[in-house]
């Protein structure tokens, strides 16, 4: 699943950054961001194995957690706990993941719409 692979690869980049964060941020924002990454991975993995009609809540939850993750990363960057290049190396692929999740969500909504069900 491409979106799962993408999240995993961004998490590996994050993991290297997390261990070098200033201690005060590593155990607060850093740990929360780490937990969000793991939750997003879990939700995407779960959704990938469910029936089409059961996937939507997990994809929505992944989108919501991704948005929170991006905000927390922005805060880390604004307080200068991560360098510009590290922030960019995370934020650009996270934007792409957001587009992928949004497309997946829209596709699921179309597939599960009552009009589509009536056509069958």
PDB file of N, CA and C in Angstrom:
ATOM      1  N   UNK A   1       0.849  -1.173   0.000  1.00  0.00           N
ATOM      2  CA  UNK A   1       0.000   0.000   0.000  1.00  0.00           C
ATOM      3  C   UNK A   1       0.900   1.243   0.000  1.00  0.00           C
ATOM      4  N   UNK A   2       0.807   2.058  -1.036  1.00  0.00           N
ATOM      5  CA  UNK A   2       1.714   3.205  -1.183  1.00  0.00           C
ATOM      6  C   UNK A   2       1.665   4.209  -0.022  1.00  0.00           C
ATOM      7  N   UNK A   3       0.488   4.509   0.479  1.00  0.00           N
ATOM      8  CA  UNK A   3       0.406   5.501   1.554  1.00  0.00           C
ATOM      9  C   UNK A   3       1.065   4.970   2.827  1.00  0.00           C
ATOM     10  N   UNK A   4       0.932   3.708   3.094  1.00  0.00           N
ATOM     11  CA  UNK A   4       1.559   3.106   4.273  1.00  0.00           C
ATOM     12  C   UNK A   4       3.086   3.131   4.135  1.00  0.00           C
ATOM     13  N   UNK A   5       3.581   2.820   2.957  1.00  0.00           N
ATOM     14  CA  UNK A   5       5.024   2.880   2.700  1.00  0.00           C
ATOM     15  C   UNK A   5       5.549   4.296   2.886  1.00  0.00           C
ATOM     16  N   UNK A   6       4.775   5.276   2.408  1.00  0.00           N
ATOM     17  CA  UNK A   6       5.187   6.676   2.511  1.00  0.00           C
ATOM     18  C   UNK A   6       5.249   7.110   3.974  1.00  0.00           C
ATOM     19  N   UNK A   7       4.240   6.768   4.750  1.00  0.00           N
ATOM     20  CA  UNK A   7       4.224   7.130   6.172  1.00  0.00           C
ATOM     21  C   UNK A   7       5.392   6.463   6.887  1.00  0.00           C
ATOM     22  N   UNK A   8       5.633   5.214   6.574  1.00  0.00           N
ATOM     23  CA  UNK A   8       6.742   4.499   7.204  1.00  0.00           C
ATOM     24  C   UNK A   8       8.075   5.172   6.897  1.00  0.00           C
ATOM     25  N   UNK A   9       8.281   5.566   5.657  1.00  0.00           N
ATOM     26  CA  UNK A   9       9.549   6.201   5.291  1.00  0.00           C
ATOM     27  C   UNK A   9       9.714   7.560   5.973  1.00  0.00           C
ATOM     28  N   UNK A  10       8.624   8.314   6.124  1.00  0.00           N
ATOM     29  CA  UNK A  10       8.705   9.605   6.822  1.00  0.00           C
ATOM     30  C   UNK A  10       8.938   9.372   8.310  1.00  0.00           C
ATOM     31  N   UNK A  11       8.345   8.322   8.856  1.00  0.00           N
ATOM     32  CA  UNK A  11       8.567   8.015  10.269  1.00  0.00           C
ATOM     33  C   UNK A  11      10.047   7.710  10.528  1.00  0.00           C
ATOM     34  N   UNK A  12      10.689   7.019   9.617  1.00  0.00           N
ATOM     35  CA  UNK A  12      12.117   6.716   9.779  1.00  0.00           C
ATOM     36  C   UNK A  12      12.952   7.999   9.798  1.00  0.00           C
ATOM     37  N   UNK A  13      12.572   8.969   8.989  1.00  0.00           N
ATOM     38  CA  UNK A  13      13.249  10.273   9.022  1.00  0.00           C
ATOM     39  C   UNK A  13      12.984  10.940  10.366  1.00  0.00           C
ATOM     40  N   UNK A  14      11.714  10.914  10.800  1.00  0.00           N
ATOM     41  CA  UNK A  14      11.341  11.514  12.086  1.00  0.00           C
ATOM     42  C   UNK A  14      12.121  10.882  13.240  1.00  0.00           C
ATOM     43  N   UNK A  15      12.245   9.573  13.212  1.00  0.00           N
ATOM     44  CA  UNK A  15      12.911   8.864  14.309  1.00  0.00           C
ATOM     45  C   UNK A  15      14.339   9.379  14.519  1.00  0.00           C
ATOM     46  N   UNK A  16      15.050   9.631  13.425  1.00  0.00           N
ATOM     47  CA  UNK A  16      16.409  10.167  13.526  1.00  0.00           C
ATOM     48  C   UNK A  16      16.416  11.574  14.124  1.00  0.00           C
ATOM     49  N   UNK A  17      15.383  12.345  13.814  1.00  0.00           N
ATOM     50  CA  UNK A  17      15.273  13.709  14.354  1.00  0.00           C
ATOM     51  C   UNK A  17      14.869  13.668  15.823  1.00  0.00           C
ATOM     52  N   UNK A  18      13.954  12.789  16.148  1.00  0.00           N
ATOM     53  CA  UNK A  18      13.417  12.686  17.513  1.00  0.00           C
ATOM     54  C   UNK A  18      14.516  12.461  18.540  1.00  0.00           C
ATOM     55  N   UNK A  19      15.463  11.600  18.227  1.00  0.00           N
ATOM     56  CA  UNK A  19      16.501  11.268  19.208  1.00  0.00           C
ATOM     57  C   UNK A  19      17.492  12.403  19.452  1.00  0.00           C
ATOM     58  N   UNK A  20      17.531  13.385  18.559  1.00  0.00           N
ATOM     59  CA  UNK A  20      18.453  14.513  18.762  1.00  0.00           C
ATOM     60  C   UNK A  20      17.739  15.808  19.158  1.00  0.00           C
ATOM     61  N   UNK A  21      16.438  15.736  19.384  1.00  0.00           N
ATOM     62  CA  UNK A  21      15.713  16.927  19.843  1.00  0.00           C
ATOM     63  C   UNK A  21      16.239  17.360  21.206  1.00  0.00           C
ATOM     64  N   UNK A  22      16.151  18.665  21.504  1.00  0.00           N
ATOM     65  CA  UNK A  22      16.484  19.089  22.872  1.00  0.00           C
ATOM     66  C   UNK A  22      15.613  18.322  23.866  1.00  0.00           C
ATOM     67  N   UNK A  23      16.200  17.962  24.968  1.00  0.00           N
ATOM     68  CA  UNK A  23      15.527  17.092  25.940  1.00  0.00           C
ATOM     69  C   UNK A  23      14.155  17.623  26.362  1.00  0.00           C
ATOM     70  N   UNK A  24      14.037  18.916  26.555  1.00  0.00           N
ATOM     71  CA  UNK A  24      12.756  19.474  26.998  1.00  0.00           C
ATOM     72  C   UNK A  24      11.649  19.230  25.976  1.00  0.00           C
ATOM     73  N   UNK A  25      11.994  19.212  24.698  1.00  0.00           N
ATOM     74  CA  UNK A  25      11.000  18.977  23.659  1.00  0.00           C
ATOM     75  C   UNK A  25      10.867  17.511  23.276  1.00  0.00           C
ATOM     76  N   UNK A  26      11.927  16.747  23.490  1.00  0.00           N
ATOM     77  CA  UNK A  26      11.898  15.327  23.134  1.00  0.00           C
ATOM     78  C   UNK A  26      10.818  14.590  23.916  1.00  0.00           C
ATOM     79  N   UNK A  27      10.678  14.931  25.178  1.00  0.00           N
ATOM     80  CA  UNK A  27       9.748  14.195  26.047  1.00  0.00           C
ATOM     81  C   UNK A  27       8.367  14.810  26.114  1.00  0.00           C
ATOM     82  N   UNK A  28       8.143  15.895  25.410  1.00  0.00           N
ATOM     83  CA  UNK A  28       6.810  16.505  25.367  1.00  0.00           C
ATOM     84  C   UNK A  28       6.289  16.415  23.932  1.00  0.00           C
ATOM     85  N   UNK A  29       6.567  17.442  23.146  1.00  0.00           N
ATOM     86  CA  UNK A  29       6.111  17.448  21.756  1.00  0.00           C
ATOM     87  C   UNK A  29       6.667  16.264  20.970  1.00  0.00           C
ATOM     88  N   UNK A  30       7.932  15.964  21.169  1.00  0.00           N
ATOM     89  CA  UNK A  30       8.555  14.869  20.430  1.00  0.00           C
ATOM     90  C   UNK A  30       7.856  13.536  20.639  1.00  0.00           C
ATOM     91  N   UNK A  31       7.569  13.212  21.885  1.00  0.00           N
ATOM     92  CA  UNK A  31       6.888  11.943  22.166  1.00  0.00           C
ATOM     93  C   UNK A  31       5.461  11.942  21.634  1.00  0.00           C
ATOM     94  N   UNK A  32       4.798  13.105  21.687  1.00  0.00           N
ATOM     95  CA  UNK A  32       3.427  13.173  21.166  1.00  0.00           C
ATOM     96  C   UNK A  32       3.427  12.991  19.652  1.00  0.00           C
ATOM     97  N   UNK A  33       4.372  13.613  18.971  1.00  0.00           N
ATOM     98  CA  UNK A  33       4.492  13.460  17.517  1.00  0.00           C
ATOM     99  C   UNK A  33       4.793  12.002  17.180  1.00  0.00           C
ATOM    100  N   UNK A  34       5.690  11.388  17.927  1.00  0.00           N
ATOM    101  CA  UNK A  34       6.030   9.984  17.718  1.00  0.00           C
ATOM    102  C   UNK A  34       4.793   9.102  17.857  1.00  0.00           C
ATOM    103  N   UNK A  35       4.014   9.371  18.894  1.00  0.00           N
ATOM    104  CA  UNK A  35       2.790   8.593  19.127  1.00  0.00           C
ATOM    105  C   UNK A  35       1.794   8.790  17.981  1.00  0.00           C
ATOM    106  N   UNK A  36       1.673  10.017  17.481  1.00  0.00           N
ATOM    107  CA  UNK A  36       0.760  10.269  16.358  1.00  0.00           C
ATOM    108  C   UNK A  36       1.200   9.509  15.109  1.00  0.00           C
ATOM    109  N   UNK A  37       2.493   9.510  14.833  1.00  0.00           N
ATOM    110  CA  UNK A  37       2.999   8.741  13.691  1.00  0.00           C
ATOM    111  C   UNK A  37       2.591   7.276  13.815  1.00  0.00           C
ATOM    112  N   UNK A  38       2.799   6.709  14.983  1.00  0.00           N
ATOM    113  CA  UNK A  38       2.482   5.295  15.198  1.00  0.00           C
ATOM    114  C   UNK A  38       0.983   5.039  15.061  1.00  0.00           C
ATOM    115  N   UNK A  39       0.177   5.942  15.586  1.00  0.00           N
ATOM    116  CA  UNK A  39      -1.278   5.794  15.468  1.00  0.00           C
ATOM    117  C   UNK A  39      -1.734   5.887  14.018  1.00  0.00           C
ATOM    118  N   UNK A  40      -1.126   6.777  13.256  1.00  0.00           N
ATOM    119  CA  UNK A  40      -1.465   6.894  11.831  1.00  0.00           C
ATOM    120  C   UNK A  40      -1.103   5.603  11.104  1.00  0.00           C
ATOM    121  N   UNK A  41       0.079   5.069  11.381  1.00  0.00           N
ATOM    122  CA  UNK A  41       0.492   3.805  10.769  1.00  0.00           C
ATOM    123  C   UNK A  41      -0.492   2.691  11.132  1.00  0.00           C
ATOM    124  N   UNK A  42      -0.874   2.621  12.399  1.00  0.00           N
ATOM    125  CA  UNK A  42      -1.833   1.597  12.839  1.00  0.00           C
ATOM    126  C   UNK A  42      -3.172   1.741  12.123  1.00  0.00           C
ATOM    127  N   UNK A  43      -3.672   2.976  12.027  1.00  0.00           N
ATOM    128  CA  UNK A  43      -4.979   3.193  11.396  1.00  0.00           C
ATOM    129  C   UNK A  43      -4.963   2.866   9.915  1.00  0.00           C
ATOM    130  N   UNK A  44      -3.901   3.245   9.224  1.00  0.00           N
ATOM    131  CA  UNK A  44      -3.805   2.934   7.793  1.00  0.00           C
ATOM    132  C   UNK A  44      -3.686   1.424   7.588  1.00  0.00           C
ATOM    133  N   UNK A  45      -2.876   0.769   8.412  1.00  0.00           N
ATOM    134  CA  UNK A  45      -2.730  -0.680   8.300  1.00  0.00           C
ATOM    135  C   UNK A  45      -4.064  -1.380   8.565  1.00  0.00           C
ATOM    136  N   UNK A  46      -4.778  -0.918   9.577  1.00  0.00           N
ATOM    137  CA  UNK A  46      -6.088  -1.504   9.885  1.00  0.00           C
ATOM    138  C   UNK A  46      -7.048  -1.310   8.721  1.00  0.00           C
ATOM    139  N   UNK A  47      -7.121  -0.080   8.203  1.00  0.00           N
ATOM    140  CA  UNK A  47      -8.044   0.212   7.103  1.00  0.00           C
ATOM    141  C   UNK A  47      -7.728  -0.631   5.873  1.00  0.00           C
ATOM    142  N   UNK A  48      -6.479  -0.909   5.649  1.00  0.00           N
ATOM    143  CA  UNK A  48      -6.111  -1.651   4.447  1.00  0.00           C
ATOM    144  C   UNK A  48      -6.633  -3.089   4.456  1.00  0.00           C
ATOM    145  N   UNK A  49      -6.952  -3.616   5.636  1.00  0.00           N
ATOM    146  CA  UNK A  49      -7.430  -4.997   5.721  1.00  0.00           C
ATOM    147  C   UNK A  49      -8.943  -5.115   5.916  1.00  0.00           C
ATOM    148  N   UNK A  50      -9.635  -3.986   5.993  1.00  0.00           N
ATOM    149  CA  UNK A  50     -11.075  -4.014   6.222  1.00  0.00           C
ATOM    150  C   UNK A  50     -11.852  -3.991   4.911  1.00  0.00           C
ATOM    151  N   UNK A  51     -13.130  -4.328   5.013  1.00  0.00           N
ATOM    152  CA  UNK A  51     -14.023  -4.212   3.862  1.00  0.00           C
ATOM    153  C   UNK A  51     -14.206  -2.730   3.536  1.00  0.00           C
ATOM    154  N   UNK A  52     -14.520  -2.425   2.277  1.00  0.00           N
ATOM    155  CA  UNK A  52     -14.617  -1.040   1.813  1.00  0.00           C
ATOM    156  C   UNK A  52     -15.485  -0.172   2.722  1.00  0.00           C
ATOM    157  N   UNK A  53     -16.621  -0.688   3.120  1.00  0.00           N
ATOM    158  CA  UNK A  53     -17.563   0.113   3.917  1.00  0.00           C
ATOM    159  C   UNK A  53     -17.078   0.354   5.355  1.00  0.00           C
ATOM    160  N   UNK A  54     -16.086  -0.392   5.803  1.00  0.00           N
ATOM    161  CA  UNK A  54     -15.557  -0.226   7.161  1.00  0.00           C
ATOM    162  C   UNK A  54     -14.294   0.632   7.214  1.00  0.00           C
ATOM    163  N   UNK A  55     -13.734   0.983   6.078  1.00  0.00           N
ATOM    164  CA  UNK A  55     -12.468   1.708   6.015  1.00  0.00           C
ATOM    165  C   UNK A  55     -12.588   3.193   6.375  1.00  0.00           C
ATOM    166  N   UNK A  56     -13.705   3.811   6.019  1.00  0.00           N
ATOM    167  CA  UNK A  56     -13.844   5.272   6.108  1.00  0.00           C
ATOM    168  C   UNK A  56     -13.486   5.838   7.479  1.00  0.00           C
ATOM    169  N   UNK A  57     -13.985   5.285   8.593  1.00  0.00           N
ATOM    170  CA  UNK A  57     -13.639   5.880   9.897  1.00  0.00           C
ATOM    171  C   UNK A  57     -12.131   5.867  10.188  1.00  0.00           C
ATOM    172  N   UNK A  58     -11.439   4.839   9.753  1.00  0.00           N
ATOM    173  CA  UNK A  58     -10.002   4.743   9.997  1.00  0.00           C
ATOM    174  C   UNK A  58      -9.224   5.733   9.128  1.00  0.00           C
ATOM    175  N   UNK A  59      -9.693   5.919   7.901  1.00  0.00           N
ATOM    176  CA  UNK A  59      -9.031   6.882   7.019  1.00  0.00           C
ATOM    177  C   UNK A  59      -9.270   8.297   7.545  1.00  0.00           C
ATOM    178  N   UNK A  60     -10.500   8.593   7.970  1.00  0.00           N
ATOM    179  CA  UNK A  60     -10.800   9.912   8.553  1.00  0.00           C
ATOM    180  C   UNK A  60      -9.944  10.169   9.791  1.00  0.00           C
ATOM    181  N   UNK A  61      -9.830   9.179  10.640  1.00  0.00           N
ATOM    182  CA  UNK A  61      -9.023   9.320  11.857  1.00  0.00           C
ATOM    183  C   UNK A  61      -7.555   9.559  11.495  1.00  0.00           C
ATOM    184  N   UNK A  62      -7.069   8.886  10.484  1.00  0.00           N
ATOM    185  CA  UNK A  62      -5.690   9.090  10.028  1.00  0.00           C
ATOM    186  C   UNK A  62      -5.493  10.527   9.539  1.00  0.00           C
ATOM    187  N   UNK A  63      -6.464  11.048   8.809  1.00  0.00           N
ATOM    188  CA  UNK A  63      -6.387  12.426   8.309  1.00  0.00           C
ATOM    189  C   UNK A  63      -6.355  13.401   9.476  1.00  0.00           C
ATOM    190  N   UNK A  64      -7.215  13.189  10.451  1.00  0.00           N
ATOM    191  CA  UNK A  64      -7.267  14.081  11.619  1.00  0.00           C
ATOM    192  C   UNK A  64      -5.958  14.040  12.409  1.00  0.00           C
ATOM    193  N   UNK A  65      -5.427  12.862  12.605  1.00  0.00           N
ATOM    194  CA  UNK A  65      -4.168  12.727  13.346  1.00  0.00           C
ATOM    195  C   UNK A  65      -2.999  13.314  12.554  1.00  0.00           C
ATOM    196  N   UNK A  66      -3.027  13.156  11.242  1.00  0.00           N
ATOM    197  CA  UNK A  66      -1.991  13.747  10.399  1.00  0.00           C
ATOM    198  C   UNK A  66      -2.015  15.269  10.501  1.00  0.00           C
ATOM    199  N   UNK A  67      -3.206  15.858  10.494  1.00  0.00           N
ATOM    200  CA  UNK A  67      -3.310  17.308  10.633  1.00  0.00           C
ATOM    201  C   UNK A  67      -2.737  17.774  11.966  1.00  0.00           C
ATOM    202  N   UNK A  68      -3.029  17.055  13.033  1.00  0.00           N
ATOM    203  CA  UNK A  68      -2.483  17.382  14.355  1.00  0.00           C
ATOM    204  C   UNK A  68      -0.964  17.244  14.351  1.00  0.00           C
ATOM    205  N   UNK A  69      -0.479  16.184  13.750  1.00  0.00           N
ATOM    206  CA  UNK A  69       0.960  15.947  13.644  1.00  0.00           C
ATOM    207  C   UNK A  69       1.655  17.110  12.935  1.00  0.00           C
ATOM    208  N   UNK A  70       1.080  17.577  11.836  1.00  0.00           N
ATOM    209  CA  UNK A  70       1.679  18.679  11.083  1.00  0.00           C
ATOM    210  C   UNK A  70       1.713  19.960  11.915  1.00  0.00           C
ATOM    211  N   UNK A  71       0.681  20.207  12.690  1.00  0.00           N
ATOM    212  CA  UNK A  71       0.647  21.398  13.546  1.00  0.00           C
ATOM    213  C   UNK A  71       1.724  21.312  14.622  1.00  0.00           C
ATOM    214  N   UNK A  72       1.858  20.152  15.258  1.00  0.00           N
ATOM    215  CA  UNK A  72       2.874  19.988  16.305  1.00  0.00           C
ATOM    216  C   UNK A  72       4.291  20.110  15.740  1.00  0.00           C
ATOM    217  N   UNK A  73       4.505  19.592  14.542  1.00  0.00           N
ATOM    218  CA  UNK A  73       5.809  19.749  13.892  1.00  0.00           C
ATOM    219  C   UNK A  73       6.092  21.221  13.602  1.00  0.00           C
ATOM    220  N   UNK A  74       5.062  21.942  13.179  1.00  0.00           N
ATOM    221  CA  UNK A  74       5.223  23.360  12.910  1.00  0.00           C
ATOM    222  C   UNK A  74       5.604  24.106  14.192  1.00  0.00           C
ATOM    223  N   UNK A  75       4.999  23.717  15.297  1.00  0.00           N
ATOM    224  CA  UNK A  75       5.340  24.341  16.586  1.00  0.00           C
ATOM    225  C   UNK A  75       6.796  24.062  16.927  1.00  0.00           C
ATOM    226  N   UNK A  76       7.236  22.810  16.760  1.00  0.00           N
ATOM    227  CA  UNK A  76       8.649  22.479  17.014  1.00  0.00           C
ATOM    228  C   UNK A  76       9.581  23.351  16.177  1.00  0.00           C
ATOM    229  N   UNK A  77       9.205  23.554  14.923  1.00  0.00           N
ATOM    230  CA  UNK A  77      10.016  24.368  14.033  1.00  0.00           C
ATOM    231  C   UNK A  77       9.986  25.842  14.469  1.00  0.00           C
ATOM    232  N   UNK A  78       8.798  26.338  14.832  1.00  0.00           N
ATOM    233  CA  UNK A  78       8.666  27.741  15.230  1.00  0.00           C
ATOM    234  C   UNK A  78       9.430  28.058  16.509  1.00  0.00           C
ATOM    235  N   UNK A  79       9.547  27.096  17.398  1.00  0.00           N
ATOM    236  CA  UNK A  79      10.320  27.341  18.622  1.00  0.00           C
ATOM    237  C   UNK A  79      11.794  26.981  18.423  1.00  0.00           C
ATOM    238  N   UNK A  80      12.127  26.706  17.168  1.00  0.00           N
ATOM    239  CA  UNK A  80      13.512  26.459  16.757  1.00  0.00           C
ATOM    240  C   UNK A  80      14.137  25.213  17.403  1.00  0.00           C
ATOM    241  N   UNK A  81      13.301  24.205  17.603  1.00  0.00           N
ATOM    242  CA  UNK A  81      13.820  22.934  18.112  1.00  0.00           C
ATOM    243  C   UNK A  81      14.253  22.002  16.988  1.00  0.00           C
ATOM    244  N   UNK A  82      13.792  22.292  15.773  1.00  0.00           N
ATOM    245  CA  UNK A  82      14.295  21.556  14.608  1.00  0.00           C
ATOM    246  C   UNK A  82      14.700  22.572  13.539  1.00  0.00           C
ATOM    247  N   UNK A  83      15.723  22.216  12.809  1.00  0.00           N
ATOM    248  CA  UNK A  83      16.253  23.085  11.764  1.00  0.00           C
ATOM    249  C   UNK A  83      15.314  23.113  10.556  1.00  0.00           C
ATOM    250  N   UNK A  84      15.465  24.146   9.752  1.00  0.00           N
ATOM    251  CA  UNK A  84      14.630  24.312   8.559  1.00  0.00           C
ATOM    252  C   UNK A  84      14.670  23.092   7.645  1.00  0.00           C
ATOM    253  N   UNK A  85      15.876  22.600   7.353  1.00  0.00           N
ATOM    254  CA  UNK A  85      15.984  21.477   6.417  1.00  0.00           C
ATOM    255  C   UNK A  85      15.329  20.209   6.961  1.00  0.00           C
ATOM    256  N   UNK A  86      15.390  19.998   8.265  1.00  0.00           N
ATOM    257  CA  UNK A  86      14.727  18.827   8.863  1.00  0.00           C
ATOM    258  C   UNK A  86      13.210  18.990   8.833  1.00  0.00           C
ATOM    259  N   UNK A  87      12.747  20.197   9.100  1.00  0.00           N
ATOM    260  CA  UNK A  87      11.304  20.475   9.033  1.00  0.00           C
ATOM    261  C   UNK A  87      10.795  20.239   7.610  1.00  0.00           C
ATOM    262  N   UNK A  88      11.538  20.716   6.635  1.00  0.00           N
ATOM    263  CA  UNK A  88      11.144  20.539   5.232  1.00  0.00           C
ATOM    264  C   UNK A  88      11.155  19.063   4.850  1.00  0.00           C
ATOM    265  N   UNK A  89      12.156  18.320   5.331  1.00  0.00           N
ATOM    266  CA  UNK A  89      12.241  16.893   4.996  1.00  0.00           C
ATOM    267  C   UNK A  89      11.073  16.097   5.559  1.00  0.00           C
ATOM    268  N   UNK A  90      10.388  16.657   6.552  1.00  0.00           N
ATOM    269  CA  UNK A  90       9.192  16.014   7.104  1.00  0.00           C
ATOM    270  C   UNK A  90       7.910  16.591   6.501  1.00  0.00           C
ATOM    271  N   UNK A  91       7.836  17.903   6.396  1.00  0.00           N
ATOM    272  CA  UNK A  91       6.575  18.532   6.014  1.00  0.00           C
ATOM    273  C   UNK A  91       6.179  18.267   4.564  1.00  0.00           C
ATOM    274  N   UNK A  92       7.133  18.226   3.657  1.00  0.00           N
ATOM    275  CA  UNK A  92       6.781  17.982   2.247  1.00  0.00           C
ATOM    276  C   UNK A  92       6.170  16.593   2.055  1.00  0.00           C
ATOM    277  N   UNK A  93       6.808  15.523   2.543  1.00  0.00           N
ATOM    278  CA  UNK A  93       6.151  14.214   2.379  1.00  0.00           C
ATOM    279  C   UNK A  93       4.851  14.092   3.174  1.00  0.00           C
ATOM    280  N   UNK A  94       4.731  14.795   4.302  1.00  0.00           N
ATOM    281  CA  UNK A  94       3.475  14.739   5.055  1.00  0.00           C
ATOM    282  C   UNK A  94       2.337  15.388   4.274  1.00  0.00           C
ATOM    283  N   UNK A  95       2.642  16.437   3.518  1.00  0.00           N
ATOM    284  CA  UNK A  95       1.627  17.042   2.653  1.00  0.00           C
ATOM    285  C   UNK A  95       1.177  16.046   1.592  1.00  0.00           C
ATOM    286  N   UNK A  96       2.127  15.327   1.023  1.00  0.00           N
ATOM    287  CA  UNK A  96       1.801  14.316   0.012  1.00  0.00           C
ATOM    288  C   UNK A  96       0.947  13.200   0.625  1.00  0.00           C
ATOM    289  N   UNK A  97       1.285  12.794   1.826  1.00  0.00           N
ATOM    290  CA  UNK A  97       0.495  11.768   2.523  1.00  0.00           C
ATOM    291  C   UNK A  97      -0.929  12.274   2.748  1.00  0.00           C
ATOM    292  N   UNK A  98      -1.050  13.537   3.094  1.00  0.00           N
ATOM    293  CA  UNK A  98      -2.381  14.128   3.276  1.00  0.00           C
ATOM    294  C   UNK A  98      -3.195  14.061   1.996  1.00  0.00           C
ATOM    295  N   UNK A  99      -2.569  14.359   0.871  1.00  0.00           N
ATOM    296  CA  UNK A  99      -3.274  14.269  -0.416  1.00  0.00           C
ATOM    297  C   UNK A  99      -3.660  12.821  -0.720  1.00  0.00           C
ATOM    298  N   UNK A 100      -2.768  11.890  -0.419  1.00  0.00           N
ATOM    299  CA  UNK A 100      -3.057  10.474  -0.665  1.00  0.00           C
ATOM    300  C   UNK A 100      -4.239  10.008   0.189  1.00  0.00           C
ATOM    301  N   UNK A 101      -4.225  10.385   1.465  1.00  0.00           N
ATOM    302  CA  UNK A 101      -5.328  10.002   2.353  1.00  0.00           C
ATOM    303  C   UNK A 101      -6.634  10.657   1.922  1.00  0.00           C
ATOM    304  N   UNK A 102      -6.567  11.914   1.507  1.00  0.00           N
ATOM    305  CA  UNK A 102      -7.767  12.607   1.030  1.00  0.00           C
ATOM    306  C   UNK A 102      -8.338  11.935  -0.206  1.00  0.00           C
ATOM    307  N   UNK A 103      -7.468  11.542  -1.121  1.00  0.00           N
ATOM    308  CA  UNK A 103      -7.928  10.833  -2.317  1.00  0.00           C
ATOM    309  C   UNK A 103      -8.540   9.488  -1.984  1.00  0.00           C
ATOM    310  N   UNK A 104      -7.916   8.787  -1.051  1.00  0.00           N
ATOM    311  CA  UNK A 104      -8.443   7.483  -0.616  1.00  0.00           C
ATOM    312  C   UNK A 104      -9.816   7.673   0.022  1.00  0.00           C
ATOM    313  N   UNK A 105      -9.937   8.674   0.870  1.00  0.00           N
ATOM    314  CA  UNK A 105     -11.206   8.959   1.533  1.00  0.00           C
ATOM    315  C   UNK A 105     -12.291   9.271   0.505  1.00  0.00           C
ATOM    316  N   UNK A 106     -11.985  10.142  -0.443  1.00  0.00           N
ATOM    317  CA  UNK A 106     -12.981  10.505  -1.459  1.00  0.00           C
ATOM    318  C   UNK A 106     -13.381   9.304  -2.303  1.00  0.00           C
ATOM    319  N   UNK A 107     -12.423   8.464  -2.627  1.00  0.00           N
ATOM    320  CA  UNK A 107     -12.711   7.253  -3.392  1.00  0.00           C
ATOM    321  C   UNK A 107     -13.641   6.330  -2.600  1.00  0.00           C
ATOM    322  N   UNK A 108     -13.370   6.180  -1.309  1.00  0.00           N
ATOM    323  CA  UNK A 108     -14.225   5.326  -0.475  1.00  0.00           C
ATOM    324  C   UNK A 108     -15.640   5.883  -0.367  1.00  0.00           C
ATOM    325  N   UNK A 109     -15.751   7.196  -0.230  1.00  0.00           N
ATOM    326  CA  UNK A 109     -17.073   7.830  -0.127  1.00  0.00           C
ATOM    327  C   UNK A 109     -17.864   7.579  -1.413  1.00  0.00           C
ATOM    328  N   UNK A 110     -17.207   7.738  -2.562  1.00  0.00           N
ATOM    329  CA  UNK A 110     -17.881   7.491  -3.847  1.00  0.00           C
ATOM    330  C   UNK A 110     -18.297   6.039  -3.975  1.00  0.00           C
ATOM    331  N   UNK A 111     -17.428   5.123  -3.575  1.00  0.00           N
ATOM    332  CA  UNK A 111     -17.730   3.695  -3.690  1.00  0.00           C
ATOM    333  C   UNK A 111     -18.862   3.280  -2.752  1.00  0.00           C
ATOM    334  N   UNK A 112     -18.976   3.957  -1.631  1.00  0.00           N
ATOM    335  CA  UNK A 112     -19.983   3.578  -0.636  1.00  0.00           C
ATOM    336  C   UNK A 112     -21.235   4.438  -0.695  1.00  0.00           C
ATOM    337  N   UNK A 113     -21.337   5.317  -1.687  1.00  0.00           N
ATOM    338  CA  UNK A 113     -22.497   6.214  -1.756  1.00  0.00           C
ATOM    339  C   UNK A 113     -23.743   5.427  -2.126  1.00  0.00           C
ATOM    340  N   UNK A 114     -24.926   5.904  -1.653  1.00  0.00           N
ATOM    341  CA  UNK A 114     -26.182   5.205  -1.962  1.00  0.00           C
ATOM    342  C   UNK A 114     -26.456   5.115  -3.461  1.00  0.00           C
ATOM    343  N   UNK A 115     -26.082   6.136  -4.227  1.00  0.00           N
ATOM    344  CA  UNK A 115     -26.292   6.101  -5.683  1.00  0.00           C
ATOM    345  C   UNK A 115     -25.515   4.951  -6.301  1.00  0.00           C
ATOM    346  N   UNK A 116     -24.286   4.757  -5.849  1.00  0.00           N
ATOM    347  CA  UNK A 116     -23.443   3.675  -6.355  1.00  0.00           C
ATOM    348  C   UNK A 116     -24.036   2.311  -5.969  1.00  0.00           C
ATOM    349  N   UNK A 117     -24.569   2.217  -4.753  1.00  0.00           N
ATOM    350  CA  UNK A 117     -25.152   0.958  -4.293  1.00  0.00           C
ATOM    351  C   UNK A 117     -26.386   0.612  -5.109  1.00  0.00           C
ATOM    352  N   UNK A 118     -27.166   1.637  -5.522  1.00  0.00           N
ATOM    353  CA  UNK A 118     -28.375   1.407  -6.309  1.00  0.00           C
ATOM    354  C   UNK A 118     -28.085   0.932  -7.714  1.00  0.00           C
ATOM    355  N   UNK A 119     -26.905   1.216  -8.210  1.00  0.00           N
ATOM    356  CA  UNK A 119     -26.524   0.799  -9.566  1.00  0.00           C
ATOM    357  C   UNK A 119     -26.246  -0.686  -9.644  1.00  0.00           C
ATOM    358  N   UNK A 120     -25.905  -1.295  -8.545  1.00  0.00           N
ATOM    359  CA  UNK A 120     -25.508  -2.715  -8.551  1.00  0.00           C
ATOM    360  C   UNK A 120     -26.650  -3.647  -8.693  1.00  0.00           C
TER     361      UNK A 120
END
